[in-house]
């Protein structure tokens, strides 16, 4: 059975947008440089940040490309993106839309990046559209991060225990837990972008407790809108759990930042 797409809900991050920009970790410059070097990204090339959120990847690639366009369906995310990317405003622009709005009018792109957004899309259909919107040497880059299995990250389990009752009842999360949910890798291998490479950078970071609470509220399943009346109690429990580990208000985390690159096969 083919993997079902998640139902399109353009406003799912409406109440999470402000927390996303504050709570999520930016992708390390070292990772962005390695990706740009690996694919030979040049100053004349165009980059599309699809599902751009607050523009973390759009800002990161502004110094490696001639033009970057960010697309997101949530107006509040686009407001955050314009604030976040202001120093690179000349090269970066944003517009409201989604993977369902990919048309030839956007022009051709050398690189299309997605930071934890691909799973919200009809993945097979999106890759088919991107094959028409990328240059013959075009690349799709899927970016994400994960906490390494190290003692420094043991606090993560306690945070997840606080959030789990809300995450587990989220219908979109339930779809991704089904046996017929296929990984991104499967879709890339079946697409025009089937020559694959993965690049990773690992960093040890000291993060303020408040920023980790913002990160929890930046998730669609535990956004302020979804938590509703439980918002303040959940924040209080998160703060208590994090303060058990914090040193001078900071938590140590070891994070692997990854980019899965799907390059168009020659010929």
Protein backbone atom coordinates (compact mmCIF):
# COMPACT_ATOMS: atom_id res chain seq x y z
CA UNK A 1 0.00 0.00 0.00
CA UNK A 2 1.29 3.42 -0.91
CA UNK A 3 2.06 5.91 1.85
CA UNK A 4 -0.87 8.32 2.34
CA UNK A 5 -0.21 12.07 2.31
CA UNK A 6 -1.10 14.07 5.39
CA UNK A 7 -4.22 16.20 4.99
CA UNK A 8 -3.31 19.71 3.88
CA UNK A 9 -4.00 22.19 6.70
CA UNK A 10 -2.47 25.53 5.72
CA UNK A 11 -3.01 27.16 9.14
CA UNK A 12 -1.62 24.36 11.34
CA UNK A 13 1.29 26.56 12.49
CA UNK A 14 -0.78 29.71 13.03
CA UNK A 15 -0.17 29.95 16.78
CA UNK A 16 3.30 28.35 16.66
CA UNK A 17 5.00 30.81 14.31
CA UNK A 18 6.46 33.21 16.89
CA UNK A 19 7.79 30.30 18.96
CA UNK A 20 9.31 28.60 15.91
CA UNK A 21 11.68 31.45 15.13
CA UNK A 22 12.81 31.68 18.77
CA UNK A 23 12.91 28.00 19.64
CA UNK A 24 14.24 26.11 16.64
CA UNK A 25 17.96 25.82 16.07
CA UNK A 26 19.42 27.44 12.96
CA UNK A 27 21.30 25.11 10.65
CA UNK A 28 25.07 25.51 11.21
CA UNK A 29 26.98 27.58 8.64
CA UNK A 30 29.38 24.64 8.30
CA UNK A 31 26.54 22.42 7.07
CA UNK A 32 25.31 25.05 4.62
CA UNK A 33 28.84 25.57 3.26
CA UNK A 34 29.34 21.83 2.77
CA UNK A 35 26.05 21.49 0.94
CA UNK A 36 26.81 24.47 -1.29
CA UNK A 37 30.29 23.10 -2.06
CA UNK A 38 29.03 19.57 -2.68
CA UNK A 39 26.60 20.62 -5.39
CA UNK A 40 28.70 23.50 -6.72
CA UNK A 41 26.13 26.17 -5.86
CA UNK A 42 27.16 29.46 -7.45
CA UNK A 43 26.31 33.11 -7.03
CA UNK A 44 24.10 33.10 -10.12
CA UNK A 45 21.96 30.16 -8.94
CA UNK A 46 18.40 30.38 -7.62
CA UNK A 47 17.24 28.58 -4.46
CA UNK A 48 13.69 27.75 -3.40
CA UNK A 49 12.93 27.25 0.31
CA UNK A 50 9.68 25.28 0.21
CA UNK A 51 7.68 25.36 3.43
CA UNK A 52 10.14 28.01 4.60
CA UNK A 53 8.59 28.73 8.00
CA UNK A 54 10.49 31.67 9.56
CA UNK A 55 13.13 31.55 6.83
CA UNK A 56 15.97 29.71 8.56
CA UNK A 57 17.20 28.02 5.37
CA UNK A 58 16.39 30.99 3.14
CA UNK A 59 18.66 33.16 5.28
CA UNK A 60 21.36 30.50 5.42
CA UNK A 61 21.61 30.16 1.63
CA UNK A 62 21.36 33.88 0.86
CA UNK A 63 25.14 34.19 0.86
CA UNK A 64 25.62 31.26 -1.51
CA UNK A 65 23.11 32.04 -4.26
CA UNK A 66 21.95 34.85 -6.51
CA UNK A 67 18.32 34.68 -5.41
CA UNK A 68 16.32 32.84 -2.75
CA UNK A 69 12.53 32.54 -2.71
CA UNK A 70 10.72 31.28 0.38
CA UNK A 71 7.19 29.88 0.18
CA UNK A 72 4.93 29.05 3.12
CA UNK A 73 1.16 28.79 3.54
CA UNK A 74 1.07 30.49 6.96
CA UNK A 75 1.00 34.32 6.95
CA UNK A 76 2.34 34.49 10.52
CA UNK A 77 5.36 32.42 9.49
CA UNK A 78 6.03 34.78 6.60
CA UNK A 79 5.93 37.75 8.97
CA UNK A 80 8.55 36.04 11.14
CA UNK A 81 10.60 35.20 8.05
CA UNK A 82 10.72 38.79 6.85
CA UNK A 83 11.97 39.90 10.25
CA UNK A 84 14.51 37.08 10.50
CA UNK A 85 15.93 37.53 7.01
CA UNK A 86 15.99 41.32 6.99
CA UNK A 87 19.82 41.62 6.70
CA UNK A 88 19.70 39.58 3.46
CA UNK A 89 16.51 41.22 2.16
CA UNK A 90 17.98 42.12 -1.22
CA UNK A 91 18.49 38.49 -2.23
CA UNK A 92 15.55 36.89 -0.45
CA UNK A 93 11.82 37.26 -1.04
CA UNK A 94 8.81 35.47 0.40
CA UNK A 95 5.37 34.62 -0.86
CA UNK A 96 2.35 32.81 0.52
CA UNK A 97 1.73 29.39 -0.97
CA UNK A 98 2.51 25.71 -0.67
CA UNK A 99 3.69 22.69 -2.62
CA UNK A 100 0.27 22.72 -4.26
CA UNK A 101 1.07 26.11 -5.80
CA UNK A 102 4.26 25.15 -7.66
CA UNK A 103 3.91 26.48 -11.19
CA UNK A 104 6.30 27.26 -14.07
CA UNK A 105 5.83 30.97 -13.32
CA UNK A 106 8.29 30.53 -10.43
CA UNK A 107 11.10 29.90 -12.92
CA UNK A 108 13.92 27.38 -12.64
CA UNK A 109 15.90 26.59 -9.47
CA UNK A 110 19.26 24.96 -8.99
CA UNK A 111 18.43 23.94 -5.41
CA UNK A 112 15.16 23.35 -3.57
CA UNK A 113 15.49 23.05 0.21
CA UNK A 114 12.99 21.93 2.81
CA UNK A 115 13.56 22.08 6.55
CA UNK A 116 11.29 19.58 8.27
CA UNK A 117 8.46 20.39 5.87
CA UNK A 118 8.46 17.58 3.28
CA UNK A 119 6.30 15.26 5.40
CA UNK A 120 3.42 17.77 5.27
CA UNK A 121 3.25 17.49 1.47
CA UNK A 122 2.04 15.01 -1.08
CA UNK A 123 5.63 13.88 -1.47
CA UNK A 124 5.43 12.01 -4.79
CA UNK A 125 3.45 14.79 -6.47
CA UNK A 126 5.76 17.46 -5.08
CA UNK A 127 8.88 15.77 -6.44
CA UNK A 128 7.21 15.40 -9.84
CA UNK A 129 6.50 19.14 -9.90
CA UNK A 130 10.03 19.97 -8.73
CA UNK A 131 11.46 17.93 -11.59
CA UNK A 132 9.84 20.51 -13.88
CA UNK A 133 11.06 23.49 -11.84
CA UNK A 134 14.72 22.56 -11.44
CA UNK A 135 17.65 22.84 -13.81
CA UNK A 136 19.08 19.66 -15.37
CA UNK A 137 21.63 19.56 -12.53
CA UNK A 138 19.02 20.52 -9.93
CA UNK A 139 19.07 19.24 -6.35
CA UNK A 140 16.45 18.71 -3.65
CA UNK A 141 17.79 19.05 -0.11
CA UNK A 142 15.85 17.76 2.91
CA UNK A 143 17.16 19.26 6.16
CA UNK A 144 16.48 18.10 9.70
CA UNK A 145 18.17 17.56 13.04
CA UNK A 146 18.14 14.98 15.80
CA UNK A 147 19.58 14.64 19.28
CA UNK A 148 22.43 12.17 19.56
CA UNK A 149 22.15 9.21 21.92
CA UNK A 150 24.44 10.66 24.59
CA UNK A 151 24.15 11.33 28.34
CA UNK A 152 24.04 15.08 27.66
CA UNK A 153 20.65 14.58 26.01
CA UNK A 154 18.96 12.51 28.72
CA UNK A 155 16.72 15.48 29.59
CA UNK A 156 15.01 14.98 26.23
CA UNK A 157 13.11 11.91 27.45
CA UNK A 158 11.66 13.84 30.40
CA UNK A 159 10.54 16.68 28.11
CA UNK A 160 8.96 14.20 25.72
CA UNK A 161 7.07 12.57 28.61
CA UNK A 162 5.40 15.92 29.32
CA UNK A 163 4.44 16.42 25.66
CA UNK A 164 3.57 12.82 24.73
CA UNK A 165 -0.13 12.91 25.73
CA UNK A 166 -0.68 15.80 23.33
CA UNK A 167 1.57 14.52 20.54
CA UNK A 168 0.07 11.02 20.53
CA UNK A 169 -3.49 12.26 20.04
CA UNK A 170 -2.52 14.49 17.11
CA UNK A 171 -4.03 13.06 13.93
CA UNK A 172 -1.08 14.07 11.74
CA UNK A 173 1.36 12.36 14.09
CA UNK A 174 -0.81 9.23 13.99
CA UNK A 175 -0.57 9.11 10.19
CA UNK A 176 3.25 9.19 10.40
CA UNK A 177 3.22 6.26 12.83
CA UNK A 178 1.30 3.97 10.48
CA UNK A 179 3.02 0.91 9.04
CA UNK A 180 2.41 2.14 5.50
CA UNK A 181 4.11 5.51 6.12
CA UNK A 182 7.14 5.48 3.82
CA UNK A 183 10.36 7.37 4.64
CA UNK A 184 11.47 10.34 2.55
CA UNK A 185 14.32 8.25 1.16
CA UNK A 186 11.83 5.96 -0.55
CA UNK A 187 10.22 8.85 -2.42
CA UNK A 188 13.54 10.33 -3.50
CA UNK A 189 14.73 7.00 -4.87
CA UNK A 190 11.57 6.74 -6.96
CA UNK A 191 11.92 10.29 -8.31
CA UNK A 192 14.15 12.18 -10.74
CA UNK A 193 16.30 13.14 -7.70
CA UNK A 194 17.56 9.62 -7.05
CA UNK A 195 21.33 10.16 -6.78
CA UNK A 196 21.60 10.58 -3.03
CA UNK A 197 24.13 11.95 -0.58
CA UNK A 198 23.85 12.80 3.11
CA UNK A 199 25.90 15.48 4.87
CA UNK A 200 25.90 15.92 8.64
CA UNK A 201 27.41 18.23 11.24
CA UNK A 202 27.32 17.54 15.00
CA UNK A 203 27.41 20.37 17.53
CA UNK A 204 27.37 20.67 21.32
CA UNK A 205 25.17 23.64 22.25
CA UNK A 206 24.20 25.42 25.45
CA UNK A 207 20.56 26.42 25.12
CA UNK A 208 18.50 28.60 27.51
CA UNK A 209 15.55 26.90 29.18
CA UNK A 210 13.16 29.51 27.77
CA UNK A 211 14.29 28.70 24.24
CA UNK A 212 13.58 25.00 24.76
CA UNK A 213 10.08 25.84 25.98
CA UNK A 214 9.60 27.96 22.84
CA UNK A 215 10.75 24.95 20.81
CA UNK A 216 8.09 22.75 22.37
CA UNK A 217 5.41 25.32 21.56
CA UNK A 218 6.66 25.57 17.96
CA UNK A 219 5.40 22.08 17.14
CA UNK A 220 2.04 21.81 15.44
CA UNK A 221 0.93 19.09 17.86
CA UNK A 222 1.84 21.13 20.96
CA UNK A 223 1.26 24.67 19.73
CA UNK A 224 -0.58 27.10 22.03
CA UNK A 225 -3.71 26.61 19.92
CA UNK A 226 -3.58 22.83 20.34
CA UNK A 227 -2.76 22.93 24.05
CA UNK A 228 -5.59 25.34 24.76
CA UNK A 229 -6.37 25.54 28.48
CA UNK A 230 -3.42 23.24 29.22
CA UNK A 231 -0.90 25.76 27.88
CA UNK A 232 0.23 27.29 31.18
CA UNK A 233 0.28 23.98 33.10
CA UNK A 234 2.39 22.40 30.34
CA UNK A 235 4.82 25.34 30.35
CA UNK A 236 5.13 25.00 34.14
CA UNK A 237 5.85 21.26 33.91
CA UNK A 238 8.40 21.79 31.14
CA UNK A 239 10.16 24.48 33.12
CA UNK A 240 10.31 22.26 36.23
CA UNK A 241 11.73 19.34 34.23
CA UNK A 242 14.32 21.46 32.45
CA UNK A 243 15.41 23.27 35.60
CA UNK A 244 16.36 19.91 37.11
CA UNK A 245 19.16 19.69 34.53
CA UNK A 246 19.89 23.34 33.80
CA UNK A 247 23.12 25.01 34.86
CA UNK A 248 22.84 28.77 35.12
CA UNK A 249 19.60 28.61 33.15
CA UNK A 250 21.09 26.62 30.25
CA UNK A 251 20.74 23.06 29.02
CA UNK A 252 23.49 21.24 27.13
CA UNK A 253 22.35 19.46 23.98
CA UNK A 254 24.31 17.55 21.35
CA UNK A 255 22.59 17.80 17.98
CA UNK A 256 23.23 16.23 14.59
CA UNK A 257 22.15 18.53 11.77
CA UNK A 258 21.59 16.67 8.51
CA UNK A 259 20.99 17.37 4.83
CA UNK A 260 19.78 14.57 2.55
CA UNK A 261 20.55 15.65 -1.00
CA UNK A 262 18.72 14.21 -3.96
CA UNK A 263 20.52 15.06 -7.19
CA UNK A 264 19.11 14.54 -10.64
CA UNK A 265 20.63 11.49 -12.26
CA UNK A 266 22.67 12.22 -15.38
CA UNK A 267 20.73 11.65 -18.55
